[in-house]
């Protein structure tokens, strides 16, 4: 019997998922480094990165309106390139790698913030957080959704508090400056960095089989998530520059906490707490959504069939959830947040190229297929925005260290071995 998931998520819940995953830990950690590159012109970098994320979200929105299934990217490429099943498998595997690496990264970041209050070994804290999030994942999508929504309200609430107090008590008029020609290299370098604070919206696509109205609500949730977080990010940049100069921000390991302390000591402590909720929320959402991708791949025969098992009562893919948990735990020994986060980013950028390519192929291959949402701008059947998205993703993929490429290549080799073993077993 074909395994199915329970449809229980509304548009509002899907938007909360998207916003929570995007905000996550990124804005709490990366803004300092980005400020060191772009200075007070960081708002331009944020604008460019938001545009790049929105381009990708448009491609996702069109494809998910056509194919509202769990395992979104995997399903997109399977439909676009049916004669090359390895392409769709690699897309799904890289998304799973991204989720495992993201969960490991934010769990270690959570451990760092916790040390402000309690001195607990970081690996132990990270492992405990991953275990708790996996337990909530197995408990059920509705339970984990309401827990994550509560955490999202807290993490976004902390940012809104910083925005209001920073702009009210700081020098808002001098905080944002128009860029000059000399700022260009720093602006583009910062764009490559801050793009990664937008990664996460794509996780919403993997909740399609649990959305009440997936063809309409999931595309809307994708676009609203990027739009809402873009506005919040721009206001955060404005607020922190109203109370700190870019140099001070760049020297801090916890830049938003430093900015909060410049306004009031209690605000700095408050932002440290909200950062913990932000990282925990991202870990939970990543594990929930991508366990559904592994479920979809296993159901289609491209992953071991055991991953398609669900709890009889709650209908949650518990084996897939445990597999993703194990993968995330295996990355923890790498230790360095920056390296694990880069592995996550490299994998997702490769997938983004495949998603844009799938839009191009399906416009020609399946022009009559129902598309409740269609990405704008085209010449005949040729969409104009996906090629631009491919070029941007390729450019960003050149920015990593050798160890990142090596670990990602080793993970992909492992994935290919699993793929061939699964295919061989299914033939027998």
Protein backbone atom coordinates (compact mmCIF):
# COMPACT_ATOMS: atom_id res chain seq x y z
CA UNK A 1 0.00 0.00 0.00
CA UNK A 2 1.29 3.49 -0.90
CA UNK A 3 2.30 5.47 2.17
CA UNK A 4 0.72 8.92 2.53
CA UNK A 5 1.14 11.92 4.83
CA UNK A 6 -1.56 13.83 6.70
CA UNK A 7 -2.69 17.20 5.22
CA UNK A 8 -2.81 19.61 8.15
CA UNK A 9 -0.74 22.72 7.28
CA UNK A 10 -2.39 26.06 6.44
CA UNK A 11 -0.86 28.94 4.46
CA UNK A 12 -0.03 30.75 7.71
CA UNK A 13 1.81 27.74 9.12
CA UNK A 14 3.74 27.30 5.87
CA UNK A 15 4.83 30.96 5.94
CA UNK A 16 5.97 30.57 9.56
CA UNK A 17 8.03 27.56 8.48
CA UNK A 18 9.64 29.53 5.65
CA UNK A 19 10.40 32.64 7.72
CA UNK A 20 11.74 30.57 10.61
CA UNK A 21 14.10 28.58 8.40
CA UNK A 22 15.42 31.64 6.56
CA UNK A 23 15.93 33.82 9.65
CA UNK A 24 17.41 30.92 11.60
CA UNK A 25 20.95 31.50 12.74
CA UNK A 26 22.27 33.37 9.71
CA UNK A 27 21.37 36.96 10.54
CA UNK A 28 22.60 36.48 14.12
CA UNK A 29 26.11 35.49 12.97
CA UNK A 30 26.91 36.63 9.42
CA UNK A 31 25.96 40.31 9.60
CA UNK A 32 29.24 41.23 11.35
CA UNK A 33 31.48 39.68 8.69
CA UNK A 34 29.36 41.17 5.93
CA UNK A 35 29.58 44.62 7.52
CA UNK A 36 33.35 44.34 7.44
CA UNK A 37 33.18 43.83 3.66
CA UNK A 38 30.51 46.31 2.55
CA UNK A 39 30.44 48.86 5.39
CA UNK A 40 27.36 51.02 5.56
CA UNK A 41 26.53 49.96 1.99
CA UNK A 42 25.58 46.52 3.32
CA UNK A 43 21.94 47.29 2.56
CA UNK A 44 22.83 47.08 -1.15
CA UNK A 45 24.32 43.61 -0.65
CA UNK A 46 21.18 42.56 1.22
CA UNK A 47 19.07 43.85 -1.66
CA UNK A 48 21.10 41.91 -4.25
CA UNK A 49 20.99 38.73 -2.18
CA UNK A 50 17.23 39.10 -1.70
CA UNK A 51 16.80 39.45 -5.47
CA UNK A 52 18.83 36.27 -6.05
CA UNK A 53 16.77 34.36 -3.49
CA UNK A 54 13.52 35.65 -4.97
CA UNK A 55 14.58 34.45 -8.46
CA UNK A 56 15.08 30.96 -7.09
CA UNK A 57 11.81 31.10 -5.14
CA UNK A 58 9.97 31.92 -8.38
CA UNK A 59 11.34 28.77 -10.02
CA UNK A 60 10.39 26.71 -6.98
CA UNK A 61 6.91 28.22 -6.92
CA UNK A 62 6.21 27.30 -10.55
CA UNK A 63 7.47 23.74 -10.18
CA UNK A 64 5.71 23.04 -6.89
CA UNK A 65 2.42 24.25 -8.38
CA UNK A 66 2.92 21.58 -11.06
CA UNK A 67 4.24 18.79 -8.83
CA UNK A 68 3.04 19.21 -5.22
CA UNK A 69 4.78 16.15 -3.74
CA UNK A 70 7.13 15.40 -0.88
CA UNK A 71 10.73 15.45 -2.07
CA UNK A 72 10.26 18.61 -4.13
CA UNK A 73 13.61 19.08 -5.91
CA UNK A 74 13.90 15.36 -6.47
CA UNK A 75 10.44 15.30 -8.07
CA UNK A 76 11.18 18.38 -10.23
CA UNK A 77 14.31 16.88 -11.78
CA UNK A 78 12.71 13.46 -12.13
CA UNK A 79 9.98 15.03 -14.25
CA UNK A 80 12.42 17.15 -16.27
CA UNK A 81 15.04 14.44 -16.86
CA UNK A 82 13.24 11.06 -16.64
CA UNK A 83 15.90 9.31 -18.75
CA UNK A 84 18.62 10.33 -16.29
CA UNK A 85 17.44 9.12 -12.86
CA UNK A 86 20.85 9.82 -11.33
CA UNK A 87 20.22 13.57 -11.77
CA UNK A 88 17.07 13.56 -9.65
CA UNK A 89 18.67 11.29 -7.07
CA UNK A 90 21.68 13.59 -6.67
CA UNK A 91 19.37 16.58 -6.24
CA UNK A 92 17.54 14.82 -3.43
CA UNK A 93 20.74 13.61 -1.83
CA UNK A 94 22.34 17.08 -1.92
CA UNK A 95 19.23 18.55 -0.30
CA UNK A 96 19.51 15.94 2.45
CA UNK A 97 23.20 16.79 2.86
CA UNK A 98 22.26 20.47 3.07
CA UNK A 99 19.68 19.76 5.79
CA UNK A 100 22.06 17.59 7.80
CA UNK A 101 24.84 20.18 7.55
CA UNK A 102 22.48 23.05 8.38
CA UNK A 103 21.16 21.21 11.42
CA UNK A 104 24.68 20.41 12.60
CA UNK A 105 25.80 24.01 12.03
CA UNK A 106 22.98 25.66 13.94
CA UNK A 107 23.22 23.10 16.73
CA UNK A 108 26.86 24.07 17.27
CA UNK A 109 25.86 27.75 17.08
CA UNK A 110 23.18 27.09 19.70
CA UNK A 111 25.85 25.54 21.91
CA UNK A 112 27.95 28.69 21.55
CA UNK A 113 25.09 30.95 22.64
CA UNK A 114 24.24 28.64 25.54
CA UNK A 115 27.79 29.05 26.84
CA UNK A 116 26.98 32.70 27.55
CA UNK A 117 24.82 31.40 30.40
CA UNK A 118 25.99 27.83 31.14
CA UNK A 119 29.39 26.29 30.40
CA UNK A 120 28.45 23.00 28.73
CA UNK A 121 30.67 21.25 26.14
CA UNK A 122 29.52 22.32 22.66
CA UNK A 123 29.39 18.81 21.08
CA UNK A 124 27.22 17.52 23.94
CA UNK A 125 24.81 20.46 23.65
CA UNK A 126 24.61 20.11 19.86
CA UNK A 127 23.89 16.38 20.12
CA UNK A 128 21.18 16.99 22.71
CA UNK A 129 19.48 19.61 20.53
CA UNK A 130 19.53 17.34 17.46
CA UNK A 131 18.04 14.51 19.55
CA UNK A 132 15.23 16.71 20.89
CA UNK A 133 14.36 18.06 17.44
CA UNK A 134 14.27 14.55 15.98
CA UNK A 135 11.94 13.41 18.76
CA UNK A 136 9.57 16.30 17.94
CA UNK A 137 9.81 15.41 14.26
CA UNK A 138 8.74 11.83 14.95
CA UNK A 139 5.98 13.00 17.31
CA UNK A 140 4.16 14.53 14.35
CA UNK A 141 4.04 17.45 11.92
CA UNK A 142 1.31 19.31 13.83
CA UNK A 143 3.16 19.07 17.14
CA UNK A 144 6.51 20.10 15.65
CA UNK A 145 4.84 22.92 13.68
CA UNK A 146 3.39 24.59 16.77
CA UNK A 147 6.65 24.22 18.67
CA UNK A 148 8.58 25.76 15.76
CA UNK A 149 6.03 28.59 15.40
CA UNK A 150 6.53 29.44 19.06
CA UNK A 151 10.30 29.60 18.55
CA UNK A 152 9.92 31.66 15.37
CA UNK A 153 7.78 34.25 17.18
CA UNK A 154 10.55 34.62 19.78
CA UNK A 155 13.45 34.83 17.30
CA UNK A 156 11.71 37.34 15.02
CA UNK A 157 10.44 39.22 18.07
CA UNK A 158 14.05 39.73 19.20
CA UNK A 159 14.95 41.21 15.81
CA UNK A 160 11.91 43.51 15.85
CA UNK A 161 12.87 44.71 19.35
CA UNK A 162 16.38 45.51 18.11
CA UNK A 163 14.95 47.36 15.10
CA UNK A 164 12.62 49.54 17.19
CA UNK A 165 15.11 50.36 19.94
CA UNK A 166 18.09 50.77 17.60
CA UNK A 167 16.29 53.21 15.31
CA UNK A 168 14.73 55.08 18.27
CA UNK A 169 17.90 55.45 20.36
CA UNK A 170 20.53 55.51 17.62
CA UNK A 171 21.37 57.87 14.78
CA UNK A 172 19.00 56.49 12.15
CA UNK A 173 19.71 59.31 9.70
CA UNK A 174 23.42 58.51 9.44
CA UNK A 175 23.02 54.73 9.46
CA UNK A 176 22.52 54.17 5.72
CA UNK A 177 24.70 55.73 3.04
CA UNK A 178 24.61 55.66 -0.74
CA UNK A 179 27.41 53.51 -2.17
CA UNK A 180 30.27 54.87 -4.20
CA UNK A 181 32.15 53.23 -7.07
CA UNK A 182 34.91 52.25 -4.66
CA UNK A 183 32.43 50.25 -2.58
CA UNK A 184 31.65 47.88 -5.47
CA UNK A 185 34.13 45.03 -4.67
CA UNK A 186 33.07 44.94 -1.03
CA UNK A 187 29.38 45.01 -1.94
CA UNK A 188 29.68 42.01 -4.25
CA UNK A 189 31.85 40.08 -1.78
CA UNK A 190 29.26 40.72 0.93
CA UNK A 191 26.45 39.66 -1.43
CA UNK A 192 28.05 36.22 -1.81
CA UNK A 193 28.18 35.96 1.98
CA UNK A 194 24.73 37.26 2.92
CA UNK A 195 23.02 35.16 0.24
CA UNK A 196 23.38 32.26 2.64
CA UNK A 197 21.14 33.92 5.24
CA UNK A 198 18.27 33.45 2.74
CA UNK A 199 18.79 29.72 2.30
CA UNK A 200 15.92 27.77 3.83
CA UNK A 201 12.84 28.95 1.95
CA UNK A 202 13.12 25.87 -0.29
CA UNK A 203 12.35 23.62 2.69
CA UNK A 204 8.71 24.73 2.46
CA UNK A 205 8.40 22.91 -0.88
CA UNK A 206 9.00 19.58 0.87
CA UNK A 207 5.86 20.02 2.99
CA UNK A 208 3.52 19.91 -0.02
CA UNK A 209 1.94 16.57 0.87
CA UNK A 210 1.05 17.93 4.31
CA UNK A 211 -0.34 21.27 3.06
CA UNK A 212 -4.11 21.63 2.86
CA UNK A 213 -3.99 23.38 -0.54
CA UNK A 214 -0.48 22.71 -1.89
CA UNK A 215 -0.79 24.03 -5.46
CA UNK A 216 -1.82 27.47 -4.23
CA UNK A 217 -0.53 27.80 -0.66
CA UNK A 218 3.02 26.45 -1.08
CA UNK A 219 4.00 28.84 -3.92
CA UNK A 220 2.52 31.74 -1.95
CA UNK A 221 4.38 30.66 1.19
CA UNK A 222 7.69 30.49 -0.70
CA UNK A 223 7.39 34.03 -2.04
CA UNK A 224 5.96 35.56 1.15
CA UNK A 225 8.74 33.97 3.21
CA UNK A 226 11.47 35.60 1.12
CA UNK A 227 9.63 38.94 1.00
CA UNK A 228 9.02 39.12 4.76
CA UNK A 229 12.56 38.18 5.72
CA UNK A 230 14.02 40.63 3.19
CA UNK A 231 12.16 43.51 4.85
CA UNK A 232 13.22 42.35 8.32
CA UNK A 233 16.88 42.01 7.24
CA UNK A 234 16.98 45.48 5.71
CA UNK A 235 15.54 47.01 8.88
CA UNK A 236 18.03 45.07 11.04
CA UNK A 237 20.94 46.47 9.00
CA UNK A 238 19.55 49.97 9.39
CA UNK A 239 19.10 49.54 13.17
CA UNK A 240 22.54 48.08 13.93
CA UNK A 241 24.32 50.78 11.91
CA UNK A 242 22.35 53.37 13.87
CA UNK A 243 24.13 52.25 17.07
CA UNK A 244 27.47 50.80 15.84
CA UNK A 245 29.89 51.51 13.03
CA UNK A 246 30.73 48.62 10.64
CA UNK A 247 34.19 48.14 12.11
CA UNK A 248 32.85 47.49 15.61
CA UNK A 249 30.26 45.11 14.23
CA UNK A 250 32.82 43.18 12.18
CA UNK A 251 35.02 42.51 15.25
CA UNK A 252 32.23 40.84 17.23
CA UNK A 253 31.57 37.09 17.39
CA UNK A 254 27.95 37.81 18.31
CA UNK A 255 27.23 41.00 16.34
CA UNK A 256 23.55 41.45 17.17
CA UNK A 257 24.21 40.89 20.85
CA UNK A 258 26.94 43.53 20.61
CA UNK A 259 24.54 45.90 18.86
CA UNK A 260 21.92 45.22 21.53
CA UNK A 261 24.38 46.02 24.32
CA UNK A 262 25.17 49.34 22.62
CA UNK A 263 21.52 50.23 23.21
CA UNK A 264 21.06 48.61 26.63
CA UNK A 265 22.75 45.72 28.51
CA UNK A 266 19.44 43.89 28.95
CA UNK A 267 18.80 44.03 25.20
CA UNK A 268 22.14 42.32 24.52
CA UNK A 269 21.24 39.48 26.88
CA UNK A 270 17.77 39.24 25.35
CA UNK A 271 19.23 38.88 21.85
CA UNK A 272 21.53 36.11 23.08
CA UNK A 273 18.42 34.23 24.21
CA UNK A 274 16.55 34.85 20.94
CA UNK A 275 19.63 33.62 19.04
CA UNK A 276 19.28 30.31 20.86
CA UNK A 277 15.65 30.06 19.80
CA UNK A 278 16.64 30.97 16.24
CA UNK A 279 19.21 28.21 15.96
CA UNK A 280 16.94 25.63 17.61
CA UNK A 281 14.08 26.57 15.28
CA UNK A 282 16.24 26.15 12.18
CA UNK A 283 17.45 22.73 13.32
CA UNK A 284 13.87 21.56 13.90
CA UNK A 285 12.50 22.86 10.60
CA UNK A 286 15.38 21.41 8.57
CA UNK A 287 14.98 17.98 10.11
CA UNK A 288 11.19 17.99 9.70
CA UNK A 289 11.04 19.08 6.07
CA UNK A 290 13.93 17.03 4.66
CA UNK A 291 12.88 13.82 6.36
CA UNK A 292 9.84 14.15 4.05
CA UNK A 293 12.18 14.36 1.05
CA UNK A 294 13.91 11.10 2.03
CA UNK A 295 10.44 9.57 2.51
CA UNK A 296 9.45 10.60 -1.04
CA UNK A 297 12.65 9.23 -2.57
CA UNK A 298 12.29 5.92 -0.75
CA UNK A 299 8.65 5.64 -1.81
CA UNK A 300 9.75 6.06 -5.44
CA UNK A 301 12.44 3.39 -5.13
CA UNK A 302 15.55 5.60 -5.25
CA UNK A 303 16.41 5.18 -1.58
CA UNK A 304 16.19 2.06 0.62
CA UNK A 305 12.51 1.21 1.08
CA UNK A 306 12.81 1.23 4.86
CA UNK A 307 12.98 5.05 4.71
CA UNK A 308 9.35 5.10 3.49
CA UNK A 309 8.02 3.57 6.70
CA UNK A 310 5.64 5.73 8.74
CA UNK A 311 4.15 5.40 12.20
CA UNK A 312 0.75 3.76 11.88
CA UNK A 313 -1.04 6.34 14.01
CA UNK A 314 0.81 9.63 13.45
CA UNK A 315 1.83 8.98 9.82
CA UNK A 316 5.28 10.47 10.34
CA UNK A 317 8.31 9.08 8.41
CA UNK A 318 10.20 7.97 11.51
CA UNK A 319 12.95 5.95 9.81
CA UNK A 320 13.79 8.82 7.47
CA UNK A 321 13.86 11.15 10.48
CA UNK A 322 16.36 8.90 12.27
CA UNK A 323 18.52 8.57 9.14
CA UNK A 324 18.75 12.35 8.76
CA UNK A 325 19.55 12.68 12.47
CA UNK A 326 22.42 10.22 12.10
CA UNK A 327 23.79 12.11 9.10
CA UNK A 328 23.72 15.41 11.04
CA UNK A 329 25.46 13.84 14.04
CA UNK A 330 28.18 12.46 11.75
CA UNK A 331 29.07 16.02 10.69
CA UNK A 332 29.45 17.35 14.24
CA UNK A 333 33.07 16.14 14.62
CA UNK A 334 34.13 18.61 11.90
CA UNK A 335 33.65 21.10 14.71
CA UNK A 336 33.98 24.40 12.84
CA UNK A 337 30.68 26.12 12.13
CA UNK A 338 32.03 27.97 9.09
CA UNK A 339 33.12 24.74 7.35
CA UNK A 340 29.91 22.81 8.00
CA UNK A 341 27.82 25.81 6.90
CA UNK A 342 29.83 26.04 3.68
CA UNK A 343 29.13 22.36 2.93
CA UNK A 344 25.45 23.14 3.35
CA UNK A 345 25.65 26.13 1.03
CA UNK A 346 27.64 24.40 -1.72
CA UNK A 347 25.15 21.54 -1.93
CA UNK A 348 22.10 23.80 -2.07
CA UNK A 349 23.59 26.01 -4.78
CA UNK A 350 24.13 22.97 -6.99
CA UNK A 351 20.49 22.00 -6.44
CA UNK A 352 19.32 25.54 -7.27
CA UNK A 353 21.00 25.20 -10.68
CA UNK A 354 19.06 21.99 -11.26
CA UNK A 355 15.76 23.61 -10.23
CA UNK A 356 16.24 26.53 -12.63
CA UNK A 357 17.16 24.05 -15.38
CA UNK A 358 14.00 22.04 -14.67
CA UNK A 359 11.83 25.14 -15.24
CA UNK A 360 13.51 25.67 -18.62
CA UNK A 361 13.12 22.05 -19.71
CA UNK A 362 9.50 21.65 -18.60
CA UNK A 363 8.39 24.86 -20.33
CA UNK A 364 9.30 23.14 -23.60
CA UNK A 365 8.67 19.52 -22.65
CA UNK A 366 5.30 19.98 -20.92
CA UNK A 367 3.89 23.33 -22.08
CA UNK A 368 0.30 22.22 -21.50
CA UNK A 369 0.82 21.01 -17.94
CA UNK A 370 -1.32 22.83 -15.38
CA UNK A 371 0.67 25.65 -13.74
CA UNK A 372 -1.39 27.53 -11.13
CA UNK A 373 1.72 29.69 -10.71
CA UNK A 374 4.03 30.67 -13.57
CA UNK A 375 7.32 32.57 -13.19
CA UNK A 376 7.03 35.92 -15.02
CA UNK A 377 8.90 37.17 -18.11
CA UNK A 378 9.35 34.93 -21.15
CA UNK A 379 9.99 35.05 -24.87
CA UNK A 380 7.62 32.48 -26.29
CA UNK A 381 8.21 29.34 -24.25
CA UNK A 382 11.63 30.51 -23.05
CA UNK A 383 11.54 31.90 -19.47
CA UNK A 384 14.08 34.66 -18.92
CA UNK A 385 14.65 34.51 -15.15
CA UNK A 386 15.90 30.89 -14.66
CA UNK A 387 19.05 31.39 -16.82
CA UNK A 388 19.90 34.42 -14.68
CA UNK A 389 19.43 32.30 -11.57
CA UNK A 390 21.79 29.64 -12.97
CA UNK A 391 24.50 32.24 -13.62
CA UNK A 392 24.23 33.66 -10.09
CA UNK A 393 24.41 30.21 -8.48
CA UNK A 394 27.49 29.25 -10.52
CA UNK A 395 29.25 32.45 -9.49
CA UNK A 396 28.55 31.84 -5.81
CA UNK A 397 29.79 28.24 -6.00
CA UNK A 398 33.35 29.46 -6.62
CA UNK A 399 33.70 31.03 -3.16
CA UNK A 400 34.54 28.01 -0.95
CA UNK A 401 37.65 26.46 0.62
CA UNK A 402 39.20 23.18 -0.67
CA UNK A 403 38.07 21.19 2.38
CA UNK A 404 34.45 22.07 1.59
CA UNK A 405 34.71 20.66 -1.93
CA UNK A 406 36.49 17.54 -0.59
CA UNK A 407 33.90 16.71 2.08
CA UNK A 408 31.02 17.36 -0.31
CA UNK A 409 32.60 15.12 -2.96
CA UNK A 410 33.05 12.31 -0.41
CA UNK A 411 29.41 12.64 0.68
CA UNK A 412 28.23 12.53 -2.95
CA UNK A 413 30.34 9.41 -3.56
CA UNK A 414 28.62 7.77 -0.58
CA UNK A 415 25.24 8.80 -1.97
CA UNK A 416 25.99 7.30 -5.37
CA UNK A 417 26.99 4.02 -3.69
CA UNK A 418 23.65 3.95 -1.86
CA UNK A 419 21.84 4.69 -5.13
CA UNK A 420 23.45 1.82 -7.05
CA UNK A 421 22.96 -0.60 -4.14
CA UNK A 422 19.27 0.34 -3.94
CA UNK A 423 18.81 -0.07 -7.70
CA UNK A 424 20.58 -3.42 -7.69
CA UNK A 425 18.41 -4.70 -4.85
CA UNK A 426 15.20 -3.53 -6.55
CA UNK A 427 16.17 -5.34 -9.78
CA UNK A 428 16.71 -8.55 -7.85
